[in-house]
């Protein structure tokens, strides 16, 4: 007589500990896939709009128009937040440069502090969820291993006192153990792969933010206007040509 050894049968044979481990792994899997889907959507948005936002900012005729342009194009608010923070800092310094506790701070330092704070805030938002993925990737195999050990324990308990090995008493607990092992790996592997991929992609985004922050700082403090593809003039070469 054949015995149904499907997942429903294993679930019916399991106890409270087995059910708890299975539900925990299922919850971790759903949560990690939710984080992965959200991060993929954010990366798709950033790749789609960041280049357009930078071109719109540097192509504007004035700073207010540039702020409005980058706010309209940057749906992630990463680059737009930098531009707004830097512009607000520069304007605030111009209005209060001669009074208050910040009177002795230069415009360059004031803008640098504001932009740096905005970068830290944007970085925390960009990297949100990565810690959870790393935690799932490192703990899920051990949670599955615990279920494996518990299933083997059940198999040994079923064999205790038996004069001969009965397959029906061993197959169920051993099957639970194998399923828990597979479930732990199924939860951990996508989380680890996604964590590595998002970490690499976030480095590129942060590098783009850092480059824009430097260009923005130069523009707000010196009036030097940077655009994609522009070449900066070598001042040393110019001075040398004039002296000659």
C-alpha atoms as a PDB file:
ATOM      1  CA  UNK A   1       0.000   0.000   0.000  1.00  0.00           C
ATOM      2  CA  UNK A   2       1.471   3.339  -1.081  1.00  0.00           C
ATOM      3  CA  UNK A   3       1.761   6.120   1.445  1.00  0.00           C
ATOM      4  CA  UNK A   4       1.337   9.746   0.349  1.00  0.00           C
ATOM      5  CA  UNK A   5       4.601  11.486   1.141  1.00  0.00           C
ATOM      6  CA  UNK A   6       3.698  14.962  -0.144  1.00  0.00           C
ATOM      7  CA  UNK A   7       4.149  18.259   1.653  1.00  0.00           C
ATOM      8  CA  UNK A   8       0.688  18.013   3.191  1.00  0.00           C
ATOM      9  CA  UNK A   9       1.598  14.664   4.724  1.00  0.00           C
ATOM     10  CA  UNK A  10       4.843  16.042   6.139  1.00  0.00           C
ATOM     11  CA  UNK A  11       2.965  19.042   7.554  1.00  0.00           C
ATOM     12  CA  UNK A  12       0.405  16.736   9.194  1.00  0.00           C
ATOM     13  CA  UNK A  13       3.179  14.621  10.739  1.00  0.00           C
ATOM     14  CA  UNK A  14       5.132  17.622  12.032  1.00  0.00           C
ATOM     15  CA  UNK A  15       4.866  18.999  15.536  1.00  0.00           C
ATOM     16  CA  UNK A  16       4.791  22.602  16.818  1.00  0.00           C
ATOM     17  CA  UNK A  17       8.542  23.100  16.408  1.00  0.00           C
ATOM     18  CA  UNK A  18       8.479  21.925  12.800  1.00  0.00           C
ATOM     19  CA  UNK A  19       5.510  24.178  12.018  1.00  0.00           C
ATOM     20  CA  UNK A  20       7.212  27.166  13.656  1.00  0.00           C
ATOM     21  CA  UNK A  21      10.427  26.669  11.669  1.00  0.00           C
ATOM     22  CA  UNK A  22       8.498  26.298   8.408  1.00  0.00           C
ATOM     23  CA  UNK A  23       6.397  29.409   9.045  1.00  0.00           C
ATOM     24  CA  UNK A  24       9.489  31.387  10.038  1.00  0.00           C
ATOM     25  CA  UNK A  25      11.302  30.423   6.828  1.00  0.00           C
ATOM     26  CA  UNK A  26       8.236  31.269   4.770  1.00  0.00           C
ATOM     27  CA  UNK A  27       7.958  34.676   6.441  1.00  0.00           C
ATOM     28  CA  UNK A  28      11.647  35.411   5.864  1.00  0.00           C
ATOM     29  CA  UNK A  29      11.332  34.389   2.228  1.00  0.00           C
ATOM     30  CA  UNK A  30       8.312  36.620   1.592  1.00  0.00           C
ATOM     31  CA  UNK A  31       9.915  39.559   3.386  1.00  0.00           C
ATOM     32  CA  UNK A  32      13.217  39.206   1.519  1.00  0.00           C
ATOM     33  CA  UNK A  33      11.465  38.983  -1.843  1.00  0.00           C
ATOM     34  CA  UNK A  34       9.482  42.088  -0.932  1.00  0.00           C
ATOM     35  CA  UNK A  35      12.717  43.947  -0.179  1.00  0.00           C
ATOM     36  CA  UNK A  36      14.267  42.669  -3.410  1.00  0.00           C
ATOM     37  CA  UNK A  37      11.281  43.838  -5.467  1.00  0.00           C
ATOM     38  CA  UNK A  38      11.389  47.289  -3.846  1.00  0.00           C
ATOM     39  CA  UNK A  39      15.132  47.651  -4.438  1.00  0.00           C
ATOM     40  CA  UNK A  40      14.819  46.562  -8.072  1.00  0.00           C
ATOM     41  CA  UNK A  41      12.108  49.175  -8.636  1.00  0.00           C
ATOM     42  CA  UNK A  42      14.294  51.853  -7.037  1.00  0.00           C
ATOM     43  CA  UNK A  43      17.315  50.905  -9.166  1.00  0.00           C
ATOM     44  CA  UNK A  44      15.178  50.918 -12.309  1.00  0.00           C
ATOM     45  CA  UNK A  45      13.971  54.417 -11.474  1.00  0.00           C
ATOM     46  CA  UNK A  46      17.476  55.696 -10.736  1.00  0.00           C
ATOM     47  CA  UNK A  47      18.938  54.342 -13.975  1.00  0.00           C
ATOM     48  CA  UNK A  48      16.043  55.819 -15.910  1.00  0.00           C
ATOM     49  CA  UNK A  49      16.086  59.351 -14.504  1.00  0.00           C
ATOM     50  CA  UNK A  50      19.486  60.229 -13.007  1.00  0.00           C
ATOM     51  CA  UNK A  51      21.275  60.967 -16.276  1.00  0.00           C
ATOM     52  CA  UNK A  52      18.284  62.989 -17.454  1.00  0.00           C
ATOM     53  CA  UNK A  53      18.154  64.875 -14.164  1.00  0.00           C
ATOM     54  CA  UNK A  54      21.832  65.841 -14.308  1.00  0.00           C
ATOM     55  CA  UNK A  55      21.506  67.036 -17.904  1.00  0.00           C
ATOM     56  CA  UNK A  56      18.440  69.090 -16.987  1.00  0.00           C
ATOM     57  CA  UNK A  57      20.197  70.658 -14.001  1.00  0.00           C
ATOM     58  CA  UNK A  58      23.340  71.734 -15.837  1.00  0.00           C
ATOM     59  CA  UNK A  59      21.353  72.808 -18.885  1.00  0.00           C
ATOM     60  CA  UNK A  60      19.173  75.267 -16.964  1.00  0.00           C
ATOM     61  CA  UNK A  61      19.740  79.000 -17.309  1.00  0.00           C
ATOM     62  CA  UNK A  62      19.644  79.840 -13.578  1.00  0.00           C
ATOM     63  CA  UNK A  63      19.887  78.118 -10.216  1.00  0.00           C
ATOM     64  CA  UNK A  64      16.124  78.286  -9.457  1.00  0.00           C
ATOM     65  CA  UNK A  65      15.381  76.858 -12.896  1.00  0.00           C
ATOM     66  CA  UNK A  66      18.008  74.151 -12.342  1.00  0.00           C
ATOM     67  CA  UNK A  67      16.483  73.200  -8.981  1.00  0.00           C
ATOM     68  CA  UNK A  68      13.036  72.977 -10.518  1.00  0.00           C
ATOM     69  CA  UNK A  69      14.364  70.931 -13.449  1.00  0.00           C
ATOM     70  CA  UNK A  70      16.210  68.374 -11.343  1.00  0.00           C
ATOM     71  CA  UNK A  71      13.271  68.094  -8.947  1.00  0.00           C
ATOM     72  CA  UNK A  72      11.002  67.343 -11.883  1.00  0.00           C
ATOM     73  CA  UNK A  73      13.304  64.786 -13.507  1.00  0.00           C
ATOM     74  CA  UNK A  74      14.715  62.993 -10.439  1.00  0.00           C
ATOM     75  CA  UNK A  75      11.925  60.773  -9.162  1.00  0.00           C
ATOM     76  CA  UNK A  76      14.202  59.168  -6.577  1.00  0.00           C
ATOM     77  CA  UNK A  77      14.918  62.569  -4.943  1.00  0.00           C
ATOM     78  CA  UNK A  78      18.551  61.529  -4.438  1.00  0.00           C
ATOM     79  CA  UNK A  79      20.217  64.090  -6.697  1.00  0.00           C
ATOM     80  CA  UNK A  80      17.430  66.612  -6.234  1.00  0.00           C
ATOM     81  CA  UNK A  81      17.913  66.468  -2.482  1.00  0.00           C
ATOM     82  CA  UNK A  82      21.608  67.285  -2.898  1.00  0.00           C
ATOM     83  CA  UNK A  83      20.866  70.233  -5.169  1.00  0.00           C
ATOM     84  CA  UNK A  84      18.198  71.628  -2.841  1.00  0.00           C
ATOM     85  CA  UNK A  85      20.359  71.198   0.265  1.00  0.00           C
ATOM     86  CA  UNK A  86      23.346  72.877  -1.369  1.00  0.00           C
ATOM     87  CA  UNK A  87      21.314  75.765  -2.769  1.00  0.00           C
ATOM     88  CA  UNK A  88      19.592  76.356   0.559  1.00  0.00           C
ATOM     89  CA  UNK A  89      22.941  76.311   2.382  1.00  0.00           C
ATOM     90  CA  UNK A  90      24.470  78.816  -0.042  1.00  0.00           C
ATOM     91  CA  UNK A  91      21.494  81.147   0.249  1.00  0.00           C
ATOM     92  CA  UNK A  92      21.397  80.845   4.032  1.00  0.00           C
ATOM     93  CA  UNK A  93      25.095  81.693   4.241  1.00  0.00           C
ATOM     94  CA  UNK A  94      24.627  84.762   2.056  1.00  0.00           C
ATOM     95  CA  UNK A  95      21.807  86.014   4.268  1.00  0.00           C
ATOM     96  CA  UNK A  96      23.533  85.340   7.605  1.00  0.00           C
ATOM     97  CA  UNK A  97      27.241  85.524   6.806  1.00  0.00           C
ATOM     98  CA  UNK A  98      27.806  88.581   9.008  1.00  0.00           C
ATOM     99  CA  UNK A  99      25.849  87.541  12.098  1.00  0.00           C
ATOM    100  CA  UNK A 100      25.120  84.526  14.259  1.00  0.00           C
ATOM    101  CA  UNK A 101      27.321  81.680  15.399  1.00  0.00           C
ATOM    102  CA  UNK A 102      28.170  80.792  11.801  1.00  0.00           C
ATOM    103  CA  UNK A 103      29.621  84.190  10.945  1.00  0.00           C
ATOM    104  CA  UNK A 104      33.164  82.827  10.899  1.00  0.00           C
ATOM    105  CA  UNK A 105      32.356  79.869   8.651  1.00  0.00           C
ATOM    106  CA  UNK A 106      33.188  80.203   4.978  1.00  0.00           C
ATOM    107  CA  UNK A 107      30.600  79.574   2.271  1.00  0.00           C
ATOM    108  CA  UNK A 108      32.591  76.568   1.057  1.00  0.00           C
ATOM    109  CA  UNK A 109      32.588  74.916   4.479  1.00  0.00           C
ATOM    110  CA  UNK A 110      28.925  75.730   5.079  1.00  0.00           C
ATOM    111  CA  UNK A 111      27.841  74.203   1.762  1.00  0.00           C
ATOM    112  CA  UNK A 112      30.126  71.203   2.309  1.00  0.00           C
ATOM    113  CA  UNK A 113      28.517  70.424   5.659  1.00  0.00           C
ATOM    114  CA  UNK A 114      25.008  70.658   4.252  1.00  0.00           C
ATOM    115  CA  UNK A 115      25.765  68.542   1.200  1.00  0.00           C
ATOM    116  CA  UNK A 116      27.622  65.950   3.288  1.00  0.00           C
ATOM    117  CA  UNK A 117      24.671  65.613   5.668  1.00  0.00           C
ATOM    118  CA  UNK A 118      22.342  65.138   2.712  1.00  0.00           C
ATOM    119  CA  UNK A 119      24.648  62.478   1.250  1.00  0.00           C
ATOM    120  CA  UNK A 120      24.593  60.556   4.538  1.00  0.00           C
ATOM    121  CA  UNK A 121      20.800  60.725   4.632  1.00  0.00           C
ATOM    122  CA  UNK A 122      20.469  59.621   1.009  1.00  0.00           C
ATOM    123  CA  UNK A 123      22.984  56.809   1.547  1.00  0.00           C
ATOM    124  CA  UNK A 124      20.980  55.490   4.488  1.00  0.00           C
ATOM    125  CA  UNK A 125      17.854  55.499   2.323  1.00  0.00           C
ATOM    126  CA  UNK A 126      19.620  53.817  -0.604  1.00  0.00           C
ATOM    127  CA  UNK A 127      21.099  51.078   1.593  1.00  0.00           C
ATOM    128  CA  UNK A 128      17.904  50.407   3.531  1.00  0.00           C
ATOM    129  CA  UNK A 129      16.966  46.732   3.437  1.00  0.00           C
ATOM    130  CA  UNK A 130      20.483  45.469   2.766  1.00  0.00           C
ATOM    131  CA  UNK A 131      21.078  44.630   6.417  1.00  0.00           C
ATOM    132  CA  UNK A 132      17.890  42.557   6.417  1.00  0.00           C
ATOM    133  CA  UNK A 133      18.962  40.672   3.282  1.00  0.00           C
ATOM    134  CA  UNK A 134      22.372  39.982   4.797  1.00  0.00           C
ATOM    135  CA  UNK A 135      20.755  38.739   7.996  1.00  0.00           C
ATOM    136  CA  UNK A 136      18.385  36.444   6.106  1.00  0.00           C
ATOM    137  CA  UNK A 137      21.215  35.097   3.961  1.00  0.00           C
ATOM    138  CA  UNK A 138      23.345  34.285   7.000  1.00  0.00           C
ATOM    139  CA  UNK A 139      20.667  32.887   9.338  1.00  0.00           C
ATOM    140  CA  UNK A 140      18.243  31.024   7.049  1.00  0.00           C
ATOM    141  CA  UNK A 141      20.567  28.030   6.464  1.00  0.00           C
ATOM    142  CA  UNK A 142      20.990  27.603  10.217  1.00  0.00           C
ATOM    143  CA  UNK A 143      17.238  27.825  10.775  1.00  0.00           C
ATOM    144  CA  UNK A 144      16.792  25.121   8.147  1.00  0.00           C
ATOM    145  CA  UNK A 145      19.582  23.137   9.787  1.00  0.00           C
ATOM    146  CA  UNK A 146      17.726  23.314  13.082  1.00  0.00           C
ATOM    147  CA  UNK A 147      14.678  21.845  11.347  1.00  0.00           C
ATOM    148  CA  UNK A 148      16.924  19.160   9.884  1.00  0.00           C
ATOM    149  CA  UNK A 149      18.301  18.209  13.292  1.00  0.00           C
ATOM    150  CA  UNK A 150      14.785  18.143  14.721  1.00  0.00           C
ATOM    151  CA  UNK A 151      13.604  15.836  11.933  1.00  0.00           C
ATOM    152  CA  UNK A 152      16.502  13.447  12.472  1.00  0.00           C
ATOM    153  CA  UNK A 153      15.739  13.472  16.185  1.00  0.00           C
ATOM    154  CA  UNK A 154      12.198  12.388  15.393  1.00  0.00           C
ATOM    155  CA  UNK A 155      13.538   9.586  13.210  1.00  0.00           C
ATOM    156  CA  UNK A 156      15.755   8.344  16.019  1.00  0.00           C
ATOM    157  CA  UNK A 157      12.878   8.521  18.492  1.00  0.00           C
ATOM    158  CA  UNK A 158      10.750   6.487  16.090  1.00  0.00           C
ATOM    159  CA  UNK A 159      13.422   3.815  15.910  1.00  0.00           C
ATOM    160  CA  UNK A 160      13.964   3.575  19.657  1.00  0.00           C
ATOM    161  CA  UNK A 161      12.901   0.237  21.026  1.00  0.00           C
ATOM    162  CA  UNK A 162      12.257  -1.212  17.564  1.00  0.00           C
ATOM    163  CA  UNK A 163      13.767  -4.613  16.841  1.00  0.00           C
ATOM    164  CA  UNK A 164      13.927  -3.878  13.114  1.00  0.00           C
ATOM    165  CA  UNK A 165      13.978  -0.759  10.972  1.00  0.00           C
ATOM    166  CA  UNK A 166      10.532   0.140   9.680  1.00  0.00           C
ATOM    167  CA  UNK A 167      10.569   2.458   6.673  1.00  0.00           C
ATOM    168  CA  UNK A 168       7.278   4.124   7.550  1.00  0.00           C
ATOM    169  CA  UNK A 169       8.658   5.316  10.885  1.00  0.00           C
ATOM    170  CA  UNK A 170      11.813   6.751   9.326  1.00  0.00           C
ATOM    171  CA  UNK A 171      10.627   8.156   6.021  1.00  0.00           C
ATOM    172  CA  UNK A 172       8.460  10.920   7.498  1.00  0.00           C
ATOM    173  CA  UNK A 173      11.008  12.475   9.898  1.00  0.00           C
ATOM    174  CA  UNK A 174      13.871  12.127   7.403  1.00  0.00           C
ATOM    175  CA  UNK A 175      11.692  13.727   4.737  1.00  0.00           C
ATOM    176  CA  UNK A 176      11.000  16.642   7.101  1.00  0.00           C
ATOM    177  CA  UNK A 177      14.732  17.032   7.659  1.00  0.00           C
ATOM    178  CA  UNK A 178      15.495  17.154   3.933  1.00  0.00           C
ATOM    179  CA  UNK A 179      12.676  19.601   3.264  1.00  0.00           C
ATOM    180  CA  UNK A 180      13.894  21.933   6.021  1.00  0.00           C
ATOM    181  CA  UNK A 181      17.418  21.867   4.615  1.00  0.00           C
ATOM    182  CA  UNK A 182      16.158  22.720   1.134  1.00  0.00           C
ATOM    183  CA  UNK A 183      13.870  25.441   2.511  1.00  0.00           C
ATOM    184  CA  UNK A 184      16.721  27.128   4.369  1.00  0.00           C
ATOM    185  CA  UNK A 185      18.841  27.205   1.212  1.00  0.00           C
ATOM    186  CA  UNK A 186      15.895  28.396  -0.883  1.00  0.00           C
ATOM    187  CA  UNK A 187      15.482  31.377   1.441  1.00  0.00           C
ATOM    188  CA  UNK A 188      19.183  32.156   1.858  1.00  0.00           C
ATOM    189  CA  UNK A 189      20.533  31.927  -1.699  1.00  0.00           C
ATOM    190  CA  UNK A 190      18.332  34.634  -3.309  1.00  0.00           C
ATOM    191  CA  UNK A 191      18.950  36.952  -0.345  1.00  0.00           C
ATOM    192  CA  UNK A 192      22.744  36.584  -0.618  1.00  0.00           C
ATOM    193  CA  UNK A 193      22.775  37.057  -4.388  1.00  0.00           C
ATOM    194  CA  UNK A 194      20.514  40.107  -4.147  1.00  0.00           C
ATOM    195  CA  UNK A 195      22.632  41.607  -1.366  1.00  0.00           C
ATOM    196  CA  UNK A 196      25.815  41.313  -3.452  1.00  0.00           C
ATOM    197  CA  UNK A 197      24.142  42.732  -6.558  1.00  0.00           C
ATOM    198  CA  UNK A 198      22.572  45.671  -4.710  1.00  0.00           C
ATOM    199  CA  UNK A 199      25.812  46.465  -2.887  1.00  0.00           C
ATOM    200  CA  UNK A 200      27.685  46.757  -6.182  1.00  0.00           C
ATOM    201  CA  UNK A 201      24.942  48.851  -7.796  1.00  0.00           C
ATOM    202  CA  UNK A 202      24.706  51.130  -4.775  1.00  0.00           C
ATOM    203  CA  UNK A 203      28.431  51.849  -5.041  1.00  0.00           C
ATOM    204  CA  UNK A 204      27.841  53.188  -8.541  1.00  0.00           C
ATOM    205  CA  UNK A 205      24.951  55.338  -7.335  1.00  0.00           C
ATOM    206  CA  UNK A 206      27.001  56.719  -4.451  1.00  0.00           C
ATOM    207  CA  UNK A 207      29.873  57.492  -6.819  1.00  0.00           C
ATOM    208  CA  UNK A 208      27.459  59.424  -9.048  1.00  0.00           C
ATOM    209  CA  UNK A 209      26.196  61.310  -5.996  1.00  0.00           C
ATOM    210  CA  UNK A 210      29.740  62.125  -4.909  1.00  0.00           C
ATOM    211  CA  UNK A 211      30.666  63.456  -8.334  1.00  0.00           C
ATOM    212  CA  UNK A 212      27.553  65.611  -8.510  1.00  0.00           C
ATOM    213  CA  UNK A 213      28.202  66.886  -4.982  1.00  0.00           C
ATOM    214  CA  UNK A 214      31.700  68.064  -5.951  1.00  0.00           C
ATOM    215  CA  UNK A 215      30.424  69.785  -9.103  1.00  0.00           C
ATOM    216  CA  UNK A 216      27.569  71.362  -7.174  1.00  0.00           C
ATOM    217  CA  UNK A 217      29.930  72.595  -4.462  1.00  0.00           C
ATOM    218  CA  UNK A 218      32.194  74.191  -7.065  1.00  0.00           C
ATOM    219  CA  UNK A 219      29.256  75.879  -8.762  1.00  0.00           C
ATOM    220  CA  UNK A 220      27.716  77.240  -5.550  1.00  0.00           C
ATOM    221  CA  UNK A 221      30.964  78.537  -4.101  1.00  0.00           C
ATOM    222  CA  UNK A 222      32.896  79.704  -7.179  1.00  0.00           C
ATOM    223  CA  UNK A 223      30.287  79.984  -9.914  1.00  0.00           C
ATOM    224  CA  UNK A 224      32.084  77.342 -12.006  1.00  0.00           C
ATOM    225  CA  UNK A 225      29.388  75.674 -14.062  1.00  0.00           C
ATOM    226  CA  UNK A 226      29.998  72.026 -14.881  1.00  0.00           C
ATOM    227  CA  UNK A 227      28.163  70.120 -17.579  1.00  0.00           C
ATOM    228  CA  UNK A 228      28.569  66.587 -18.892  1.00  0.00           C
ATOM    229  CA  UNK A 229      31.379  66.585 -21.449  1.00  0.00           C
ATOM    230  CA  UNK A 230      32.751  70.038 -20.537  1.00  0.00           C
ATOM    231  CA  UNK A 231      36.536  70.415 -20.295  1.00  0.00           C
ATOM    232  CA  UNK A 232      37.984  72.566 -17.548  1.00  0.00           C
ATOM    233  CA  UNK A 233      40.577  75.159 -18.470  1.00  0.00           C
ATOM    234  CA  UNK A 234      44.108  74.508 -17.227  1.00  0.00           C
ATOM    235  CA  UNK A 235      44.808  77.742 -15.343  1.00  0.00           C
ATOM    236  CA  UNK A 236      48.524  76.997 -15.041  1.00  0.00           C
ATOM    237  CA  UNK A 237      48.801  76.662 -18.797  1.00  0.00           C
ATOM    238  CA  UNK A 238      46.920  79.921 -19.287  1.00  0.00           C
ATOM    239  CA  UNK A 239      49.237  81.778 -16.898  1.00  0.00           C
ATOM    240  CA  UNK A 240      52.250  80.289 -18.660  1.00  0.00           C
ATOM    241  CA  UNK A 241      50.978  81.424 -22.045  1.00  0.00           C
ATOM    242  CA  UNK A 242      50.348  84.955 -20.770  1.00  0.00           C
ATOM    243  CA  UNK A 243      53.826  85.253 -19.216  1.00  0.00           C
ATOM    244  CA  UNK A 244      55.364  84.084 -22.464  1.00  0.00           C
END
